[in-house]
Amino acid sequence: MPMSQPHRLSIRDYEPADAGTTIDIFLRAIRDVASKDYTPAQIDAWAKVDDARVWAQWRASRPTWLAICDGAPVGFSDLTPDGCLDMMFVHPEHQGKGVASLLLATVEKAAREQRLRRVFTEASLTARPFFERKGFIVLAAQTVEKRGQRLANFRMEKHLA
């Protein structure tokens, strides 16, 4: 039997042409992965992009990185100037393959280069265990509103050495 080749993961900077791909990853990750932790009504409220142009401007307004597996984008993350990891989403077919770990390592490296003392995020119920395994601590549980639905999440942070 031939041995399967390991997936080749790499990171590259976001480009304007990536807007549609990041929207697709965002929507699929919420609908196919986060749906185990949230109700259908909550998922419907969260998994929406009202204006692709606004999304593209938002992605381009801060460092955003794409994880690439075998030449195709499979995840993305970003970092605001104050150290907020605002978004990290991985395509459902690439969960558990190290994509989020590589994205987080990229975010943390960029934060250190910017001399930030911490990275913080608002993690979903789905993402909280990943961030805890990576050294983040929960600062507070909270409820956020999206299109009339209330969703639980967690303010989390990690201090950088």
Protein backbone atom coordinates (compact mmCIF):
# COMPACT_ATOMS: atom_id res chain seq x y z
CA MET A 1 0.00 0.00 0.00
CA PRO A 2 1.40 3.43 -0.84
CA MET A 3 2.02 5.69 2.12
CA SER A 4 -0.04 8.85 2.12
CA GLN A 5 1.90 12.07 1.84
CA PRO A 6 1.58 14.47 4.76
CA HIS A 7 -0.31 17.63 3.93
CA ARG A 8 1.98 20.57 3.23
CA LEU A 9 0.90 23.55 5.31
CA SER A 10 2.20 27.05 4.79
CA ILE A 11 1.17 30.61 5.57
CA ARG A 12 0.90 33.55 3.24
CA ASP A 13 -0.36 37.09 3.58
CA TYR A 14 -3.94 37.89 2.68
CA GLU A 15 -4.47 39.48 -0.73
CA PRO A 16 -7.58 41.36 -1.92
CA ALA A 17 -8.48 38.47 -4.24
CA ASP A 18 -8.83 36.23 -1.14
CA ALA A 19 -12.00 37.91 0.13
CA GLY A 20 -14.39 35.34 -1.33
CA THR A 21 -12.28 32.43 -0.12
CA THR A 22 -12.13 33.78 3.44
CA ILE A 23 -15.90 34.35 3.41
CA ASP A 24 -16.41 30.74 2.33
CA ILE A 25 -14.10 29.42 5.08
CA PHE A 26 -15.84 31.63 7.67
CA LEU A 27 -19.32 30.45 6.70
CA ARG A 28 -18.41 26.77 6.39
CA ALA A 29 -16.56 26.74 9.71
CA ILE A 30 -19.55 28.20 11.52
CA ARG A 31 -22.20 26.11 9.76
CA ASP A 32 -20.32 22.79 9.85
CA VAL A 33 -18.19 23.03 13.01
CA ALA A 34 -19.63 25.58 15.45
CA SER A 35 -23.11 24.18 14.82
CA LYS A 36 -22.39 21.47 17.40
CA ASP A 37 -22.25 24.14 20.13
CA TYR A 38 -24.92 26.63 19.02
CA THR A 39 -28.59 26.39 18.01
CA PRO A 40 -29.68 26.57 14.36
CA ALA A 41 -31.09 30.08 14.97
CA GLN A 42 -27.79 31.21 16.48
CA ILE A 43 -25.84 29.72 13.54
CA ASP A 44 -28.16 31.44 11.04
CA ALA A 45 -27.59 34.78 12.78
CA TRP A 46 -23.80 34.34 12.99
CA ALA A 47 -23.07 32.77 9.58
CA LYS A 48 -23.83 35.81 7.47
CA VAL A 49 -21.76 38.30 5.51
CA ASP A 50 -23.99 41.20 4.57
CA ASP A 51 -21.55 42.98 2.25
CA ALA A 52 -18.56 41.28 0.65
CA ARG A 53 -16.95 44.68 -0.06
CA VAL A 54 -17.08 45.63 3.63
CA TRP A 55 -15.65 42.20 4.51
CA ALA A 56 -12.80 42.72 2.03
CA GLN A 57 -12.03 46.17 3.47
CA TRP A 58 -12.05 44.74 7.00
CA ARG A 59 -9.66 41.90 6.06
CA ALA A 60 -7.32 44.33 4.27
CA SER A 61 -7.35 46.78 7.21
CA ARG A 62 -5.11 44.61 9.40
CA PRO A 63 -2.57 41.85 9.00
CA THR A 64 -4.46 38.76 7.90
CA TRP A 65 -2.87 35.42 7.07
CA LEU A 66 -4.10 32.46 5.08
CA ALA A 67 -3.15 28.89 5.85
CA ILE A 68 -2.47 27.01 2.63
CA CYS A 69 -2.66 23.23 2.35
CA ASP A 70 -1.43 21.64 -0.84
CA GLY A 71 -1.87 24.96 -2.64
CA ALA A 72 -5.40 25.77 -1.44
CA PRO A 73 -6.49 28.20 1.31
CA VAL A 74 -7.90 26.24 4.27
CA GLY A 75 -7.97 28.79 7.10
CA PHE A 76 -7.28 32.37 8.05
CA SER A 77 -6.55 34.57 11.03
CA ASP A 78 -5.76 38.19 11.79
CA LEU A 79 -4.31 40.54 14.39
CA THR A 80 -5.35 44.08 15.25
CA PRO A 81 -2.76 46.66 16.33
CA ASP A 82 -3.77 46.31 20.00
CA GLY A 83 -3.24 42.53 20.02
CA CYS A 84 -6.76 41.27 19.30
CA LEU A 85 -6.96 38.04 17.35
CA ASP A 86 -10.35 38.99 15.91
CA MET A 87 -10.92 36.04 13.58
CA MET A 88 -9.55 32.53 13.21
CA PHE A 89 -11.47 30.06 11.12
CA VAL A 90 -10.47 26.72 9.58
CA HIS A 91 -12.34 24.95 6.80
CA PRO A 92 -14.28 21.95 8.18
CA GLU A 93 -12.40 19.47 5.97
CA HIS A 94 -9.10 20.61 7.50
CA GLN A 95 -9.94 20.55 11.21
CA GLY A 96 -7.45 18.73 13.42
CA LYS A 97 -4.56 18.94 10.93
CA GLY A 98 -2.54 21.69 12.62
CA VAL A 99 -3.99 24.57 10.60
CA ALA A 100 -5.18 26.59 13.61
CA SER A 101 -1.92 25.90 15.46
CA LEU A 102 0.09 27.24 12.53
CA LEU A 103 -2.16 30.30 12.25
CA LEU A 104 -1.88 31.00 15.98
CA ALA A 105 1.91 30.64 15.87
CA THR A 106 1.93 33.19 13.03
CA VAL A 107 -0.26 35.60 15.01
CA GLU A 108 1.89 35.24 18.14
CA LYS A 109 5.10 35.79 16.16
CA ALA A 110 3.67 38.96 14.61
CA ALA A 111 2.50 40.16 18.05
CA ARG A 112 6.00 39.64 19.48
CA GLU A 113 7.54 41.49 16.53
CA GLN A 114 5.18 44.39 17.33
CA ARG A 115 6.32 44.20 20.97
CA LEU A 116 2.81 43.39 22.18
CA ARG A 117 2.64 41.88 25.64
CA ARG A 118 -0.46 39.81 25.02
CA VAL A 119 -2.84 38.43 22.43
CA PHE A 120 -6.53 38.41 23.27
CA THR A 121 -9.66 37.08 21.61
CA GLU A 122 -13.34 36.42 22.02
CA ALA A 123 -13.49 32.65 21.61
CA SER A 124 -16.63 30.74 20.74
CA LEU A 125 -17.75 27.73 22.74
CA THR A 126 -16.22 25.70 19.92
CA ALA A 127 -12.84 27.46 19.95
CA ARG A 128 -12.36 27.80 23.71
CA PRO A 129 -10.74 24.35 24.23
CA PHE A 130 -8.21 25.03 21.44
CA PHE A 131 -7.20 28.36 22.93
CA GLU A 132 -6.95 26.88 26.43
CA ARG A 133 -4.61 24.14 25.10
CA LYS A 134 -2.49 26.93 23.60
CA GLY A 135 -2.08 28.77 26.92
CA PHE A 136 -4.95 31.26 26.82
CA ILE A 137 -6.91 31.90 30.00
CA VAL A 138 -10.56 32.85 30.28
CA LEU A 139 -11.02 36.41 31.53
CA ALA A 140 -14.82 36.33 31.40
CA ALA A 141 -17.75 34.44 29.96
CA GLN A 142 -20.03 36.77 28.05
CA THR A 143 -23.01 36.90 25.76
CA VAL A 144 -22.89 38.77 22.46
CA GLU A 145 -25.79 39.64 20.22
CA LYS A 146 -25.81 38.85 16.51
CA ARG A 147 -28.90 39.77 14.50
CA GLY A 148 -31.21 39.33 17.49
CA GLN A 149 -29.66 36.09 18.74
CA ARG A 150 -27.62 35.84 21.93
CA LEU A 151 -24.44 33.74 21.67
CA ALA A 152 -22.14 32.72 24.51
CA ASN A 153 -18.41 33.27 24.10
CA PHE A 154 -15.32 33.93 26.20
CA ARG A 155 -12.92 36.83 26.49
CA MET A 156 -9.52 35.12 26.61
CA GLU A 157 -5.90 36.23 26.63
CA LYS A 158 -2.39 34.89 26.51
CA HIS A 159 0.59 36.79 27.82
CA LEU A 160 3.61 36.60 25.54
CA ALA A 161 7.08 35.91 26.85
